[in-house]
C-alpha atoms as a PDB file:
ATOM      1  CA  MET A   1     121.831  84.529 163.487  1.00  0.00           C
ATOM      2  CA  PRO A   2     119.483  84.698 166.212  1.00  0.00           C
ATOM      3  CA  THR A   3     115.806  86.242 165.647  1.00  0.00           C
ATOM      4  CA  ASN A   4     115.216  89.654 166.997  1.00  0.00           C
ATOM      5  CA  THR A   5     112.320  91.191 169.156  1.00  0.00           C
ATOM      6  CA  ALA A   6     110.143  91.718 166.176  1.00  0.00           C
ATOM      7  CA  GLN A   7     110.596  88.321 164.897  1.00  0.00           C
ATOM      8  CA  GLU A   8     110.045  86.790 167.748  1.00  0.00           C
ATOM      9  CA  ALA A   9     106.808  88.731 168.675  1.00  0.00           C
ATOM     10  CA  PHE A  10     105.433  87.449 165.182  1.00  0.00           C
ATOM     11  CA  LEU A  11     106.527  83.928 165.480  1.00  0.00           C
ATOM     12  CA  THR A  12     104.679  83.518 168.879  1.00  0.00           C
ATOM     13  CA  SER A  13     101.729  85.428 168.408  1.00  0.00           C
ATOM     14  CA  ALA A  14     100.837  84.310 164.627  1.00  0.00           C
ATOM     15  CA  PRO A  15      99.186  80.942 165.598  1.00  0.00           C
ATOM     16  CA  GLY A  16      95.316  81.088 165.360  1.00  0.00           C
ATOM     17  CA  LYS A  17      95.664  84.561 163.454  1.00  0.00           C
ATOM     18  CA  SER A  18      94.310  85.261 159.983  1.00  0.00           C
ATOM     19  CA  PHE A  19      96.858  87.246 157.530  1.00  0.00           C
ATOM     20  CA  ASN A  20      95.723  88.686 154.258  1.00  0.00           C
ATOM     21  CA  PRO A  21      97.777  92.120 154.078  1.00  0.00           C
ATOM     22  CA  ASP A  22      97.181  91.935 150.127  1.00  0.00           C
ATOM     23  CA  ASN A  23      93.458  91.736 150.568  1.00  0.00           C
ATOM     24  CA  ALA A  24      93.520  89.292 147.773  1.00  0.00           C
ATOM     25  CA  HIS A  25      92.325  85.517 147.473  1.00  0.00           C
ATOM     26  CA  GLY A  26      91.543  85.192 151.212  1.00  0.00           C
ATOM     27  CA  LEU A  27      93.914  83.334 153.430  1.00  0.00           C
ATOM     28  CA  GLN A  28      97.068  82.233 151.577  1.00  0.00           C
ATOM     29  CA  CYS A  29     100.332  80.703 152.770  1.00  0.00           C
ATOM     30  CA  LYS A  30     102.063  83.834 151.052  1.00  0.00           C
ATOM     31  CA  ASP A  31      99.903  86.091 153.376  1.00  0.00           C
ATOM     32  CA  VAL A  32     101.949  84.708 156.634  1.00  0.00           C
ATOM     33  CA  ALA A  33     105.231  85.434 154.660  1.00  0.00           C
ATOM     34  CA  ASP A  34     104.026  89.126 153.797  1.00  0.00           C
ATOM     35  CA  ALA A  35     102.825  89.873 157.334  1.00  0.00           C
ATOM     36  CA  TYR A  36     106.121  88.334 158.547  1.00  0.00           C
ATOM     37  CA  ALA A  37     108.098  91.043 156.173  1.00  0.00           C
ATOM     38  CA  LEU A  38     105.705  93.711 157.393  1.00  0.00           C
ATOM     39  CA  ALA A  39     106.528  92.957 160.931  1.00  0.00           C
ATOM     40  CA  MET A  40     110.364  92.852 160.314  1.00  0.00           C
ATOM     41  CA  PHE A  41     110.631  95.708 157.821  1.00  0.00           C
ATOM     42  CA  GLY A  42     107.479  97.670 157.823  1.00  0.00           C
ATOM     43  CA  ASP A  43     106.858  96.874 154.168  1.00  0.00           C
ATOM     44  CA  TRP A  44     106.545  93.612 152.207  1.00  0.00           C
ATOM     45  CA  VAL A  45     105.840  94.768 148.775  1.00  0.00           C
ATOM     46  CA  ASN A  46     109.625  95.895 148.170  1.00  0.00           C
ATOM     47  CA  THR A  47     111.079  93.244 150.571  1.00  0.00           C
ATOM     48  CA  ILE A  48     109.455  89.870 149.980  1.00  0.00           C
ATOM     49  CA  ARG A  49     107.449  91.168 146.888  1.00  0.00           C
ATOM     50  CA  PRO A  50     104.149  90.318 145.480  1.00  0.00           C
ATOM     51  CA  ASN A  51     104.664  86.674 143.863  1.00  0.00           C
ATOM     52  CA  ASN A  52     103.255  83.222 144.255  1.00  0.00           C
ATOM     53  CA  ALA A  53     104.934  81.230 146.946  1.00  0.00           C
ATOM     54  CA  ALA A  54     107.165  79.225 144.264  1.00  0.00           C
ATOM     55  CA  GLN A  55     108.485  82.359 142.972  1.00  0.00           C
ATOM     56  CA  VAL A  56     109.270  84.176 146.353  1.00  0.00           C
ATOM     57  CA  PHE A  57     112.817  82.632 146.529  1.00  0.00           C
ATOM     58  CA  ASP A  58     114.252  84.171 143.350  1.00  0.00           C
ATOM     59  CA  GLY A  59     111.807  87.350 143.546  1.00  0.00           C
ATOM     60  CA  ALA A  60     112.787  88.493 147.253  1.00  0.00           C
ATOM     61  CA  ASN A  61     114.833  91.426 147.440  1.00  0.00           C
ATOM     62  CA  ALA A  62     118.128  90.494 148.203  1.00  0.00           C
ATOM     63  CA  ALA A  63     118.790  93.716 150.090  1.00  0.00           C
ATOM     64  CA  TYR A  64     116.497  92.107 152.734  1.00  0.00           C
ATOM     65  CA  PHE A  65     117.139  88.567 152.638  1.00  0.00           C
ATOM     66  CA  THR A  66     120.218  86.287 152.273  1.00  0.00           C
ATOM     67  CA  LYS A  67     118.961  83.473 149.644  1.00  0.00           C
ATOM     68  CA  ILE A  68     120.123  79.959 150.629  1.00  0.00           C
ATOM     69  CA  ARG A  69     119.577  77.394 148.078  1.00  0.00           C
ATOM     70  CA  ASN A  70     118.734  73.806 149.023  1.00  0.00           C
ATOM     71  CA  ASN A  71     121.487  71.463 148.507  1.00  0.00           C
ATOM     72  CA  PRO A  72     119.968  68.076 149.652  1.00  0.00           C
ATOM     73  CA  ALA A  73     123.516  66.516 149.459  1.00  0.00           C
ATOM     74  CA  ASP A  74     124.652  68.720 152.449  1.00  0.00           C
ATOM     75  CA  PRO A  75     122.992  67.367 155.789  1.00  0.00           C
ATOM     76  CA  LYS A  76     124.494  70.111 157.757  1.00  0.00           C
ATOM     77  CA  GLN A  77     122.289  72.569 155.720  1.00  0.00           C
ATOM     78  CA  ILE A  78     119.135  73.076 157.981  1.00  0.00           C
ATOM     79  CA  PRO A  79     116.896  76.364 158.130  1.00  0.00           C
ATOM     80  CA  GLN A  80     117.176  78.364 161.168  1.00  0.00           C
ATOM     81  CA  ARG A  81     114.211  79.762 163.567  1.00  0.00           C
ATOM     82  CA  GLY A  82     112.885  82.987 161.734  1.00  0.00           C
ATOM     83  CA  ASP A  83     113.967  81.969 157.846  1.00  0.00           C
ATOM     84  CA  VAL A  84     111.186  82.007 155.383  1.00  0.00           C
ATOM     85  CA  ILE A  85     111.306  78.334 153.585  1.00  0.00           C
ATOM     86  CA  VAL A  86     109.975  78.088 150.153  1.00  0.00           C
ATOM     87  CA  TRP A  87     108.842  75.035 148.366  1.00  0.00           C
ATOM     88  CA  GLY A  88     108.685  74.834 144.623  1.00  0.00           C
ATOM     89  CA  TRP A  89     105.622  74.019 142.377  1.00  0.00           C
ATOM     90  CA  SER A  90     104.269  70.876 141.735  1.00  0.00           C
ATOM     91  CA  PRO A  91     101.397  69.530 139.430  1.00  0.00           C
ATOM     92  CA  ALA A  92      98.909  69.408 142.508  1.00  0.00           C
ATOM     93  CA  VAL A  93     100.048  72.953 143.672  1.00  0.00           C
ATOM     94  CA  PRO A  94     101.443  75.219 140.789  1.00  0.00           C
ATOM     95  CA  GLU A  95     101.815  78.057 143.468  1.00  0.00           C
ATOM     96  CA  GLY A  96     104.187  76.421 145.589  1.00  0.00           C
ATOM     97  CA  HIS A  97     104.338  76.917 149.335  1.00  0.00           C
ATOM     98  CA  ILE A  98     106.220  79.241 151.976  1.00  0.00           C
ATOM     99  CA  ALA A  99     106.433  79.732 155.779  1.00  0.00           C
ATOM    100  CA  PRO A 100     108.627  81.153 158.587  1.00  0.00           C
ATOM    101  CA  VAL A 101     110.464  78.599 160.169  1.00  0.00           C
ATOM    102  CA  LEU A 102     110.031  77.701 163.904  1.00  0.00           C
ATOM    103  CA  SER A 103     112.609  74.985 164.070  1.00  0.00           C
ATOM    104  CA  ALA A 104     114.112  72.398 161.623  1.00  0.00           C
ATOM    105  CA  ASN A 105     116.144  69.250 161.702  1.00  0.00           C
ATOM    106  CA  LYS A 106     117.591  66.864 158.834  1.00  0.00           C
ATOM    107  CA  THR A 107     114.268  65.676 157.933  1.00  0.00           C
ATOM    108  CA  THR A 108     111.726  68.035 158.969  1.00  0.00           C
ATOM    109  CA  VAL A 109     110.897  71.620 159.520  1.00  0.00           C
ATOM    110  CA  THR A 110     108.273  73.160 161.876  1.00  0.00           C
ATOM    111  CA  VAL A 111     106.515  76.210 160.559  1.00  0.00           C
ATOM    112  CA  VAL A 112     103.672  78.564 161.070  1.00  0.00           C
ATOM    113  CA  ASP A 113     101.756  78.902 157.915  1.00  0.00           C
ATOM    114  CA  GLN A 114      97.946  79.228 156.578  1.00  0.00           C
ATOM    115  CA  ASP A 115      95.959  76.612 154.692  1.00  0.00           C
ATOM    116  CA  GLY A 116      94.833  78.777 151.448  1.00  0.00           C
ATOM    117  CA  TYR A 117      93.025  75.908 150.015  1.00  0.00           C
ATOM    118  CA  ASN A 118      90.884  75.427 153.200  1.00  0.00           C
ATOM    119  CA  GLN A 119      90.813  79.343 154.345  1.00  0.00           C
ATOM    120  CA  ARG A 120      92.186  78.212 157.794  1.00  0.00           C
ATOM    121  CA  PRO A 121      94.300  80.547 160.049  1.00  0.00           C
ATOM    122  CA  ALA A 122      97.819  80.474 160.664  1.00  0.00           C
ATOM    123  CA  ALA A 123      98.771  77.316 162.748  1.00  0.00           C
ATOM    124  CA  VAL A 124     102.121  75.476 163.722  1.00  0.00           C
ATOM    125  CA  ARG A 125     102.494  72.461 161.236  1.00  0.00           C
ATOM    126  CA  THR A 126     105.465  70.142 160.368  1.00  0.00           C
ATOM    127  CA  TYR A 127     106.461  68.958 156.908  1.00  0.00           C
ATOM    128  CA  GLY A 128     109.246  67.220 155.045  1.00  0.00           C
ATOM    129  CA  TYR A 129     111.702  69.015 152.693  1.00  0.00           C
ATOM    130  CA  THR A 130     109.337  67.301 150.182  1.00  0.00           C
ATOM    131  CA  LEU A 131     105.920  67.853 150.786  1.00  0.00           C
ATOM    132  CA  ALA A 132     103.034  65.124 150.047  1.00  0.00           C
ATOM    133  CA  ASN A 133     102.003  66.959 146.727  1.00  0.00           C
ATOM    134  CA  GLY A 134     105.663  66.196 145.509  1.00  0.00           C
ATOM    135  CA  ALA A 135     106.774  70.017 146.026  1.00  0.00           C
ATOM    136  CA  MET A 136     110.409  70.259 147.128  1.00  0.00           C
ATOM    137  CA  VAL A 137     112.265  72.890 149.347  1.00  0.00           C
ATOM    138  CA  ILE A 138     113.862  75.230 146.571  1.00  0.00           C
ATOM    139  CA  GLY A 139     115.556  77.083 149.736  1.00  0.00           C
ATOM    140  CA  TRP A 140     114.943  79.559 152.627  1.00  0.00           C
ATOM    141  CA  LEU A 141     115.332  83.163 152.982  1.00  0.00           C
ATOM    142  CA  ARG A 142     117.197  84.561 155.877  1.00  0.00           C
ATOM    143  CA  PRO A 143     116.091  88.005 156.999  1.00  0.00           C
ATOM    144  CA  ARG A 144     118.630  90.613 156.899  1.00  0.00           C
ATOM    145  CA  VAL A 145     117.579  92.297 160.230  1.00  0.00           C
ATOM    146  CA  LYS A 146     119.468  93.903 163.091  1.00  0.00           C
ATOM    147  CA  ALA A 147     119.242  92.643 166.674  1.00  0.00           C
ATOM    148  CA  ASP A 148     117.762  95.880 167.693  1.00  0.00           C
ATOM    149  CA  ALA A 149     115.184  96.159 164.862  1.00  0.00           C
ATOM    150  CA  ARG A 150     111.671  97.000 165.713  1.00  0.00           C
ATOM    151  CA  PRO A 151     109.039  97.117 163.178  1.00  0.00           C
ATOM    152  CA  LYS A 152     107.263 100.333 162.227  1.00  0.00           C
ATOM    153  CA  GLN A 153     103.886  98.999 161.686  1.00  0.00           C
ATOM    154  CA  CYS A 154     101.498  96.184 162.438  1.00  0.00           C
ATOM    155  CA  ILE A 155      98.362  94.819 160.796  1.00  0.00           C
ATOM    156  CA  VAL A 156      95.526  94.396 163.138  1.00  0.00           C
ATOM    157  CA  GLN A 157      94.298  90.702 163.558  1.00  0.00           C
ATOM    158  CA  ALA A 158      91.243  89.346 164.907  1.00  0.00           C
ATOM    159  CA  GLY A 159      90.851  89.881 168.563  1.00  0.00           C
ATOM    160  CA  ASP A 160      93.350  92.395 168.547  1.00  0.00           C
ATOM    161  CA  THR A 161      92.934  95.573 170.898  1.00  0.00           C
ATOM    162  CA  MET A 162      95.070  98.724 171.175  1.00  0.00           C
ATOM    163  CA  TYR A 163      95.903  97.257 174.864  1.00  0.00           C
ATOM    164  CA  LEU A 164      97.123  93.898 173.388  1.00  0.00           C
ATOM    165  CA  ILE A 165      99.056  95.399 170.539  1.00  0.00           C
ATOM    166  CA  ALA A 166     100.952  97.811 172.876  1.00  0.00           C
ATOM    167  CA  LYS A 167     101.697  94.922 175.051  1.00  0.00           C
ATOM    168  CA  GLN A 168     102.920  92.646 172.434  1.00  0.00           C
ATOM    169  CA  PHE A 169     105.385  95.318 171.140  1.00  0.00           C
ATOM    170  CA  GLY A 170     106.508  96.373 174.608  1.00  0.00           C
ATOM    171  CA  VAL A 171     105.024  99.964 174.296  1.00  0.00           C
ATOM    172  CA  THR A 172     102.797 101.918 176.264  1.00  0.00           C
ATOM    173  CA  LEU A 173      99.077 102.115 175.415  1.00  0.00           C
ATOM    174  CA  GLN A 174      99.587 106.213 175.426  1.00  0.00           C
ATOM    175  CA  ALA A 175     102.559 105.850 173.127  1.00  0.00           C
ATOM    176  CA  LEU A 176     100.466 103.734 170.643  1.00  0.00           C
ATOM    177  CA  VAL A 177      97.477 105.983 170.719  1.00  0.00           C
ATOM    178  CA  ALA A 178      99.758 109.011 170.163  1.00  0.00           C
ATOM    179  CA  ALA A 179     101.270 107.131 166.983  1.00  0.00           C
ATOM    180  CA  ASN A 180      97.819 106.284 165.507  1.00  0.00           C
ATOM    181  CA  ARG A 181      96.143 109.880 165.732  1.00  0.00           C
ATOM    182  CA  GLN A 182      94.176 108.610 162.474  1.00  0.00           C
ATOM    183  CA  VAL A 183      92.189 105.904 164.586  1.00  0.00           C
ATOM    184  CA  LYS A 184      88.982 107.958 165.444  1.00  0.00           C
ATOM    185  CA  ASN A 185      87.761 105.448 168.145  1.00  0.00           C
ATOM    186  CA  ILE A 186      90.605 103.221 169.791  1.00  0.00           C
ATOM    187  CA  ASN A 187      88.223 100.925 170.982  1.00  0.00           C
ATOM    188  CA  VAL A 188      86.954  99.868 167.239  1.00  0.00           C
ATOM    189  CA  LEU A 189      89.819  98.363 165.297  1.00  0.00           C
ATOM    190  CA  SER A 190      89.142  96.776 161.692  1.00  0.00           C
ATOM    191  CA  ILE A 191      91.029  93.262 160.831  1.00  0.00           C
ATOM    192  CA  GLY A 192      93.785  94.373 158.243  1.00  0.00           C
ATOM    193  CA  GLN A 193      93.859  97.993 159.539  1.00  0.00           C
ATOM    194  CA  VAL A 194      97.702  99.028 159.684  1.00  0.00           C
ATOM    195  CA  LEU A 195      98.826 100.699 162.803  1.00  0.00           C
ATOM    196  CA  ASN A 196     101.987 102.766 163.483  1.00  0.00           C
ATOM    197  CA  LEU A 197     104.331 101.796 166.137  1.00  0.00           C
ATOM    198  CA  PRO A 198     106.039 104.030 168.096  1.00  0.00           C
END
């Protein structure tokens, strides 16, 4: 299934941004997945759910994601752009790893993720289906989104302005301002602030 506008807006704009929608533990890989769920569904708590990365595959809400368990014996089974790939735990990283998929082939997957150990913002990286630390892919979550789905909210990232957010989501600045009457000064946004999208 092709990605929709909300997914593409997130996947193309995420690199270079810092995500922390749960405001816990700094910049974690799970925070990118949470922000992605927020962009698609307007909610991450009831969709991808609060979990460590390794627990997301089993814990994600099946009403919002189709769960595709990794089968290494099937070379045709490859994640698609917009899926959320989940690596399990390893002794080195018991939390596992998770990231939205940009592209994939039989041997590698290119994702947008954050480095929680070094607190680095989101970037495009390419991994194998088994990470250097030994973590193996559990599977991937395919978002159940409609082709015309539009996010209801967005999270302000470093460098965002009302104008840039309006442009990113294809709405007028006036409509964005009207949908966010709670913002006292549209020229002063806070990182992590949630804005309504018209």
